[in-house]
Amino acid sequence: PVIVDSVKMLNTVVTTAFSQRRKTLRNSLKKLITETDIIALDINPTLRAETISLQDFAKLSQYIKQHPPEETL
């Protein structure tokens, strides 16, 4: 099981990552998290959303929840 503080944030990250076909995490999540931060979470930013695990999505959502982007859409 995967435990997250915010299911809403997890949903946002997953929806954003899958919203544009064939985009890498670096490109699809760039408004939420930097490439450097993705790498710091030990996730390859050149991967596509369909290739990472639920645990990786949980790590991304936890990080973004704790470090929200400066500009929100």
PDB file of N, CA and C in Angstrom:
ATOM      1  N   PRO A   1       0.825  -1.207   0.000  1.00  0.00           N
ATOM      2  CA  PRO A   1       0.000   0.000   0.000  1.00  0.00           C
ATOM      3  C   PRO A   1       0.860   1.259   0.000  1.00  0.00           C
ATOM      4  N   VAL A   2       0.339   2.273  -0.636  1.00  0.00           N
ATOM      5  CA  VAL A   2       1.024   3.562  -0.703  1.00  0.00           C
ATOM      6  C   VAL A   2       0.261   4.547   0.165  1.00  0.00           C
ATOM      7  N   ILE A   3       0.984   5.224   1.045  1.00  0.00           N
ATOM      8  CA  ILE A   3       0.361   6.191   1.949  1.00  0.00           C
ATOM      9  C   ILE A   3       0.841   7.587   1.574  1.00  0.00           C
ATOM     10  N   VAL A   4      -0.105   8.504   1.391  1.00  0.00           N
ATOM     11  CA  VAL A   4       0.215   9.899   1.088  1.00  0.00           C
ATOM     12  C   VAL A   4      -0.578  10.802   2.015  1.00  0.00           C
ATOM     13  N   ASP A   5      -0.045  11.999   2.253  1.00  0.00           N
ATOM     14  CA  ASP A   5      -0.748  12.968   3.090  1.00  0.00           C
ATOM     15  C   ASP A   5      -1.959  13.562   2.378  1.00  0.00           C
ATOM     16  N   SER A   6      -1.853  13.678   1.054  1.00  0.00           N
ATOM     17  CA  SER A   6      -2.912  14.327   0.301  1.00  0.00           C
ATOM     18  C   SER A   6      -3.252  13.529  -0.962  1.00  0.00           C
ATOM     19  N   VAL A   7      -4.398  12.894  -0.934  1.00  0.00           N
ATOM     20  CA  VAL A   7      -4.869  12.164  -2.115  1.00  0.00           C
ATOM     21  C   VAL A   7      -5.148  13.154  -3.241  1.00  0.00           C
ATOM     22  N   LYS A   8      -5.599  14.345  -2.883  1.00  0.00           N
ATOM     23  CA  LYS A   8      -5.876  15.380  -3.875  1.00  0.00           C
ATOM     24  C   LYS A   8      -4.597  15.745  -4.639  1.00  0.00           C
ATOM     25  N   MET A   9      -3.481  15.904  -3.921  1.00  0.00           N
ATOM     26  CA  MET A   9      -2.213  16.231  -4.578  1.00  0.00           C
ATOM     27  C   MET A   9      -1.746  15.066  -5.445  1.00  0.00           C
ATOM     28  N   LEU A  10      -1.891  13.852  -4.958  1.00  0.00           N
ATOM     29  CA  LEU A  10      -1.523  12.676  -5.753  1.00  0.00           C
ATOM     30  C   LEU A  10      -2.328  12.657  -7.050  1.00  0.00           C
ATOM     31  N   ASN A  11      -3.615  12.923  -6.955  1.00  0.00           N
ATOM     32  CA  ASN A  11      -4.476  12.969  -8.132  1.00  0.00           C
ATOM     33  C   ASN A  11      -4.013  14.053  -9.104  1.00  0.00           C
ATOM     34  N   THR A  12      -3.650  15.216  -8.578  1.00  0.00           N
ATOM     35  CA  THR A  12      -3.171  16.316  -9.422  1.00  0.00           C
ATOM     36  C   THR A  12      -1.901  15.918 -10.167  1.00  0.00           C
ATOM     37  N   VAL A  13      -0.961  15.315  -9.462  1.00  0.00           N
ATOM     38  CA  VAL A  13       0.308  14.917 -10.075  1.00  0.00           C
ATOM     39  C   VAL A  13       0.075  13.856 -11.150  1.00  0.00           C
ATOM     40  N   VAL A  14      -0.719  12.847 -10.846  1.00  0.00           N
ATOM     41  CA  VAL A  14      -0.982  11.777 -11.812  1.00  0.00           C
ATOM     42  C   VAL A  14      -1.714  12.331 -13.032  1.00  0.00           C
ATOM     43  N   THR A  15      -2.730  13.143 -12.809  1.00  0.00           N
ATOM     44  CA  THR A  15      -3.489  13.727 -13.914  1.00  0.00           C
ATOM     45  C   THR A  15      -2.598  14.598 -14.789  1.00  0.00           C
ATOM     46  N   THR A  16      -1.763  15.420 -14.162  1.00  0.00           N
ATOM     47  CA  THR A  16      -0.860  16.292 -14.912  1.00  0.00           C
ATOM     48  C   THR A  16       0.161  15.478 -15.700  1.00  0.00           C
ATOM     49  N   ALA A  17       0.711  14.463 -15.080  1.00  0.00           N
ATOM     50  CA  ALA A  17       1.726  13.632 -15.740  1.00  0.00           C
ATOM     51  C   ALA A  17       1.164  12.904 -16.959  1.00  0.00           C
ATOM     52  N   PHE A  18      -0.094  12.488 -16.882  1.00  0.00           N
ATOM     53  CA  PHE A  18      -0.702  11.739 -17.983  1.00  0.00           C
ATOM     54  C   PHE A  18      -1.481  12.625 -18.959  1.00  0.00           C
ATOM     55  N   SER A  19      -1.540  13.922 -18.724  1.00  0.00           N
ATOM     56  CA  SER A  19      -2.410  14.791 -19.516  1.00  0.00           C
ATOM     57  C   SER A  19      -1.955  14.972 -20.961  1.00  0.00           C
ATOM     58  N   GLN A  20      -0.660  14.890 -21.205  1.00  0.00           N
ATOM     59  CA  GLN A  20      -0.181  15.041 -22.575  1.00  0.00           C
ATOM     60  C   GLN A  20       0.607  13.800 -22.969  1.00  0.00           C
ATOM     61  N   ARG A  21       0.137  13.126 -23.974  1.00  0.00           N
ATOM     62  CA  ARG A  21       0.773  11.874 -24.415  1.00  0.00           C
ATOM     63  C   ARG A  21       2.215  12.091 -24.807  1.00  0.00           C
ATOM     64  N   ARG A  22       3.036  11.110 -24.474  1.00  0.00           N
ATOM     65  CA  ARG A  22       4.427  11.031 -24.897  1.00  0.00           C
ATOM     66  C   ARG A  22       5.326  12.126 -24.329  1.00  0.00           C
ATOM     67  N   LYS A  23       4.872  12.835 -23.333  1.00  0.00           N
ATOM     68  CA  LYS A  23       5.727  13.819 -22.658  1.00  0.00           C
ATOM     69  C   LYS A  23       6.481  13.134 -21.534  1.00  0.00           C
ATOM     70  N   THR A  24       7.702  13.584 -21.310  1.00  0.00           N
ATOM     71  CA  THR A  24       8.477  13.057 -20.193  1.00  0.00           C
ATOM     72  C   THR A  24       8.018  13.729 -18.905  1.00  0.00           C
ATOM     73  N   LEU A  25       8.384  13.147 -17.781  1.00  0.00           N
ATOM     74  CA  LEU A  25       8.036  13.755 -16.492  1.00  0.00           C
ATOM     75  C   LEU A  25       8.582  15.171 -16.408  1.00  0.00           C
ATOM     76  N   ARG A  26       9.811  15.364 -16.877  1.00  0.00           N
ATOM     77  CA  ARG A  26      10.439  16.687 -16.854  1.00  0.00           C
ATOM     78  C   ARG A  26       9.540  17.724 -17.519  1.00  0.00           C
ATOM     79  N   ASN A  27       8.958  17.375 -18.656  1.00  0.00           N
ATOM     80  CA  ASN A  27       8.124  18.318 -19.398  1.00  0.00           C
ATOM     81  C   ASN A  27       6.698  18.409 -18.863  1.00  0.00           C
ATOM     82  N   SER A  28       6.115  17.294 -18.519  1.00  0.00           N
ATOM     83  CA  SER A  28       4.713  17.326 -18.093  1.00  0.00           C
ATOM     84  C   SER A  28       4.530  17.926 -16.702  1.00  0.00           C
ATOM     85  N   LEU A  29       5.543  17.802 -15.842  1.00  0.00           N
ATOM     86  CA  LEU A  29       5.416  18.298 -14.462  1.00  0.00           C
ATOM     87  C   LEU A  29       6.182  19.591 -14.212  1.00  0.00           C
ATOM     88  N   LYS A  30       6.697  20.233 -15.266  1.00  0.00           N
ATOM     89  CA  LYS A  30       7.583  21.380 -15.066  1.00  0.00           C
ATOM     90  C   LYS A  30       6.939  22.558 -14.336  1.00  0.00           C
ATOM     91  N   LYS A  31       5.633  22.665 -14.338  1.00  0.00           N
ATOM     92  CA  LYS A  31       4.979  23.745 -13.585  1.00  0.00           C
ATOM     93  C   LYS A  31       4.814  23.398 -12.111  1.00  0.00           C
ATOM     94  N   LEU A  32       5.044  22.132 -11.764  1.00  0.00           N
ATOM     95  CA  LEU A  32       4.883  21.684 -10.379  1.00  0.00           C
ATOM     96  C   LEU A  32       6.202  21.428  -9.667  1.00  0.00           C
ATOM     97  N   ILE A  33       7.231  20.971 -10.412  1.00  0.00           N
ATOM     98  CA  ILE A  33       8.484  20.543  -9.789  1.00  0.00           C
ATOM     99  C   ILE A  33       9.618  20.671 -10.809  1.00  0.00           C
ATOM    100  N   THR A  34      10.807  21.036 -10.323  1.00  0.00           N
ATOM    101  CA  THR A  34      11.946  21.189 -11.225  1.00  0.00           C
ATOM    102  C   THR A  34      12.570  19.835 -11.557  1.00  0.00           C
ATOM    103  N   GLU A  35      13.297  19.816 -12.643  1.00  0.00           N
ATOM    104  CA  GLU A  35      14.004  18.592 -13.033  1.00  0.00           C
ATOM    105  C   GLU A  35      15.000  18.182 -11.946  1.00  0.00           C
ATOM    106  N   THR A  36      15.682  19.158 -11.362  1.00  0.00           N
ATOM    107  CA  THR A  36      16.643  18.888 -10.290  1.00  0.00           C
ATOM    108  C   THR A  36      15.972  18.207  -9.107  1.00  0.00           C
ATOM    109  N   ASP A  37      14.784  18.661  -8.759  1.00  0.00           N
ATOM    110  CA  ASP A  37      14.058  18.060  -7.639  1.00  0.00           C
ATOM    111  C   ASP A  37      13.586  16.641  -7.967  1.00  0.00           C
ATOM    112  N   ILE A  38      13.196  16.414  -9.214  1.00  0.00           N
ATOM    113  CA  ILE A  38      12.804  15.056  -9.622  1.00  0.00           C
ATOM    114  C   ILE A  38      14.000  14.116  -9.471  1.00  0.00           C
ATOM    115  N   ILE A  39      15.160  14.569  -9.913  1.00  0.00           N
ATOM    116  CA  ILE A  39      16.381  13.765  -9.794  1.00  0.00           C
ATOM    117  C   ILE A  39      16.715  13.520  -8.330  1.00  0.00           C
ATOM    118  N   ALA A  40      16.552  14.547  -7.481  1.00  0.00           N
ATOM    119  CA  ALA A  40      16.838  14.409  -6.048  1.00  0.00           C
ATOM    120  C   ALA A  40      15.948  13.348  -5.396  1.00  0.00           C
ATOM    121  N   LEU A  41      14.767  13.120  -5.957  1.00  0.00           N
ATOM    122  CA  LEU A  41      13.858  12.090  -5.446  1.00  0.00           C
ATOM    123  C   LEU A  41      14.207  10.708  -6.008  1.00  0.00           C
ATOM    124  N   ASP A  42      15.309  10.640  -6.740  1.00  0.00           N
ATOM    125  CA  ASP A  42      15.787   9.390  -7.335  1.00  0.00           C
ATOM    126  C   ASP A  42      14.812   8.847  -8.383  1.00  0.00           C
ATOM    127  N   ILE A  43      14.258   9.783  -9.159  1.00  0.00           N
ATOM    128  CA  ILE A  43      13.361   9.437 -10.260  1.00  0.00           C
ATOM    129  C   ILE A  43      13.976  10.020 -11.527  1.00  0.00           C
ATOM    130  N   ASN A  44      14.016   9.253 -12.580  1.00  0.00           N
ATOM    131  CA  ASN A  44      14.584   9.701 -13.841  1.00  0.00           C
ATOM    132  C   ASN A  44      13.586  10.642 -14.530  1.00  0.00           C
ATOM    133  N   PRO A  45      13.943  11.925 -14.731  1.00  0.00           N
ATOM    134  CA  PRO A  45      13.005  12.879 -15.325  1.00  0.00           C
ATOM    135  C   PRO A  45      12.732  12.642 -16.805  1.00  0.00           C
ATOM    136  N   THR A  46      13.508  11.772 -17.450  1.00  0.00           N
ATOM    137  CA  THR A  46      13.276  11.499 -18.870  1.00  0.00           C
ATOM    138  C   THR A  46      12.283  10.363 -19.097  1.00  0.00           C
ATOM    139  N   LEU A  47      11.806   9.759 -18.015  1.00  0.00           N
ATOM    140  CA  LEU A  47      10.806   8.699 -18.140  1.00  0.00           C
ATOM    141  C   LEU A  47       9.432   9.297 -18.418  1.00  0.00           C
ATOM    142  N   ARG A  48       8.564   8.472 -18.962  1.00  0.00           N
ATOM    143  CA  ARG A  48       7.179   8.887 -19.176  1.00  0.00           C
ATOM    144  C   ARG A  48       6.326   8.392 -18.017  1.00  0.00           C
ATOM    145  N   ALA A  49       5.187   9.024 -17.827  1.00  0.00           N
ATOM    146  CA  ALA A  49       4.321   8.723 -16.682  1.00  0.00           C
ATOM    147  C   ALA A  49       3.954   7.243 -16.598  1.00  0.00           C
ATOM    148  N   GLU A  50       3.729   6.614 -17.725  1.00  0.00           N
ATOM    149  CA  GLU A  50       3.286   5.217 -17.693  1.00  0.00           C
ATOM    150  C   GLU A  50       4.384   4.248 -17.255  1.00  0.00           C
ATOM    151  N   THR A  51       5.618   4.728 -17.132  1.00  0.00           N
ATOM    152  CA  THR A  51       6.721   3.832 -16.778  1.00  0.00           C
ATOM    153  C   THR A  51       7.147   3.921 -15.313  1.00  0.00           C
ATOM    154  N   ILE A  52       6.594   4.846 -14.542  1.00  0.00           N
ATOM    155  CA  ILE A  52       7.013   4.944 -13.140  1.00  0.00           C
ATOM    156  C   ILE A  52       5.972   4.303 -12.220  1.00  0.00           C
ATOM    157  N   SER A  53       6.408   3.973 -11.032  1.00  0.00           N
ATOM    158  CA  SER A  53       5.552   3.249 -10.088  1.00  0.00           C
ATOM    159  C   SER A  53       4.633   4.186  -9.301  1.00  0.00           C
ATOM    160  N   LEU A  54       3.656   3.587  -8.662  1.00  0.00           N
ATOM    161  CA  LEU A  54       2.775   4.341  -7.775  1.00  0.00           C
ATOM    162  C   LEU A  54       3.582   4.957  -6.633  1.00  0.00           C
ATOM    163  N   GLN A  55       4.602   4.250  -6.159  1.00  0.00           N
ATOM    164  CA  GLN A  55       5.460   4.779  -5.099  1.00  0.00           C
ATOM    165  C   GLN A  55       6.191   6.036  -5.568  1.00  0.00           C
ATOM    166  N   ASP A  56       6.620   6.058  -6.829  1.00  0.00           N
ATOM    167  CA  ASP A  56       7.273   7.250  -7.370  1.00  0.00           C
ATOM    168  C   ASP A  56       6.287   8.415  -7.459  1.00  0.00           C
ATOM    169  N   PHE A  57       5.063   8.134  -7.871  1.00  0.00           N
ATOM    170  CA  PHE A  57       4.048   9.191  -7.889  1.00  0.00           C
ATOM    171  C   PHE A  57       3.789   9.707  -6.473  1.00  0.00           C
ATOM    172  N   ALA A  58       3.789   8.813  -5.504  1.00  0.00           N
ATOM    173  CA  ALA A  58       3.600   9.224  -4.110  1.00  0.00           C
ATOM    174  C   ALA A  58       4.745  10.119  -3.654  1.00  0.00           C
ATOM    175  N   LYS A  59       5.991   9.763  -4.011  1.00  0.00           N
ATOM    176  CA  LYS A  59       7.146  10.596  -3.651  1.00  0.00           C
ATOM    177  C   LYS A  59       7.028  11.980  -4.274  1.00  0.00           C
ATOM    178  N   LEU A  60       6.644  12.024  -5.542  1.00  0.00           N
ATOM    179  CA  LEU A  60       6.477  13.309  -6.218  1.00  0.00           C
ATOM    180  C   LEU A  60       5.395  14.150  -5.548  1.00  0.00           C
ATOM    181  N   SER A  61       4.255  13.540  -5.254  1.00  0.00           N
ATOM    182  CA  SER A  61       3.146  14.302  -4.662  1.00  0.00           C
ATOM    183  C   SER A  61       3.486  14.786  -3.257  1.00  0.00           C
ATOM    184  N   GLN A  62       4.181  13.964  -2.468  1.00  0.00           N
ATOM    185  CA  GLN A  62       4.595  14.380  -1.122  1.00  0.00           C
ATOM    186  C   GLN A  62       5.539  15.578  -1.212  1.00  0.00           C
ATOM    187  N   TYR A  63       6.494  15.515  -2.142  1.00  0.00           N
ATOM    188  CA  TYR A  63       7.456  16.605  -2.290  1.00  0.00           C
ATOM    189  C   TYR A  63       6.749  17.891  -2.722  1.00  0.00           C
ATOM    190  N   ILE A  64       5.878  17.789  -3.712  1.00  0.00           N
ATOM    191  CA  ILE A  64       5.178  18.977  -4.215  1.00  0.00           C
ATOM    192  C   ILE A  64       4.264  19.560  -3.139  1.00  0.00           C
ATOM    193  N   LYS A  65       3.635  18.711  -2.342  1.00  0.00           N
ATOM    194  CA  LYS A  65       2.787  19.187  -1.232  1.00  0.00           C
ATOM    195  C   LYS A  65       3.622  19.977  -0.228  1.00  0.00           C
ATOM    196  N   GLN A  66       4.837  19.503   0.055  1.00  0.00           N
ATOM    197  CA  GLN A  66       5.705  20.177   1.021  1.00  0.00           C
ATOM    198  C   GLN A  66       6.435  21.376   0.426  1.00  0.00           C
ATOM    199  N   HIS A  67       6.602  21.406  -0.884  1.00  0.00           N
ATOM    200  CA  HIS A  67       7.303  22.482  -1.586  1.00  0.00           C
ATOM    201  C   HIS A  67       6.442  22.944  -2.765  1.00  0.00           C
ATOM    202  N   PRO A  68       5.337  23.621  -2.483  1.00  0.00           N
ATOM    203  CA  PRO A  68       4.432  24.004  -3.576  1.00  0.00           C
ATOM    204  C   PRO A  68       5.107  24.960  -4.561  1.00  0.00           C
ATOM    205  N   PRO A  69       4.727  24.887  -5.824  1.00  0.00           N
ATOM    206  CA  PRO A  69       5.299  25.807  -6.812  1.00  0.00           C
ATOM    207  C   PRO A  69       4.944  27.243  -6.451  1.00  0.00           C
ATOM    208  N   GLU A  70       5.827  28.164  -6.819  1.00  0.00           N
ATOM    209  CA  GLU A  70       5.604  29.569  -6.475  1.00  0.00           C
ATOM    210  C   GLU A  70       4.382  30.138  -7.164  1.00  0.00           C
ATOM    211  N   GLU A  71       4.154  29.712  -8.393  1.00  0.00           N
ATOM    212  CA  GLU A  71       2.980  30.179  -9.128  1.00  0.00           C
ATOM    213  C   GLU A  71       2.011  29.022  -9.289  1.00  0.00           C
ATOM    214  N   THR A  72       0.769  29.247  -8.961  1.00  0.00           N
ATOM    215  CA  THR A  72      -0.246  28.219  -9.170  1.00  0.00           C
ATOM    216  C   THR A  72      -1.103  28.614 -10.353  1.00  0.00           C
ATOM    217  N   LEU A  73      -1.580  27.620 -11.069  1.00  0.00           N
ATOM    218  CA  LEU A  73      -2.392  27.889 -12.263  1.00  0.00           C
ATOM    219  C   LEU A  73      -3.829  28.094 -11.918  1.00  0.00           C
TER     220      LEU A  73
END
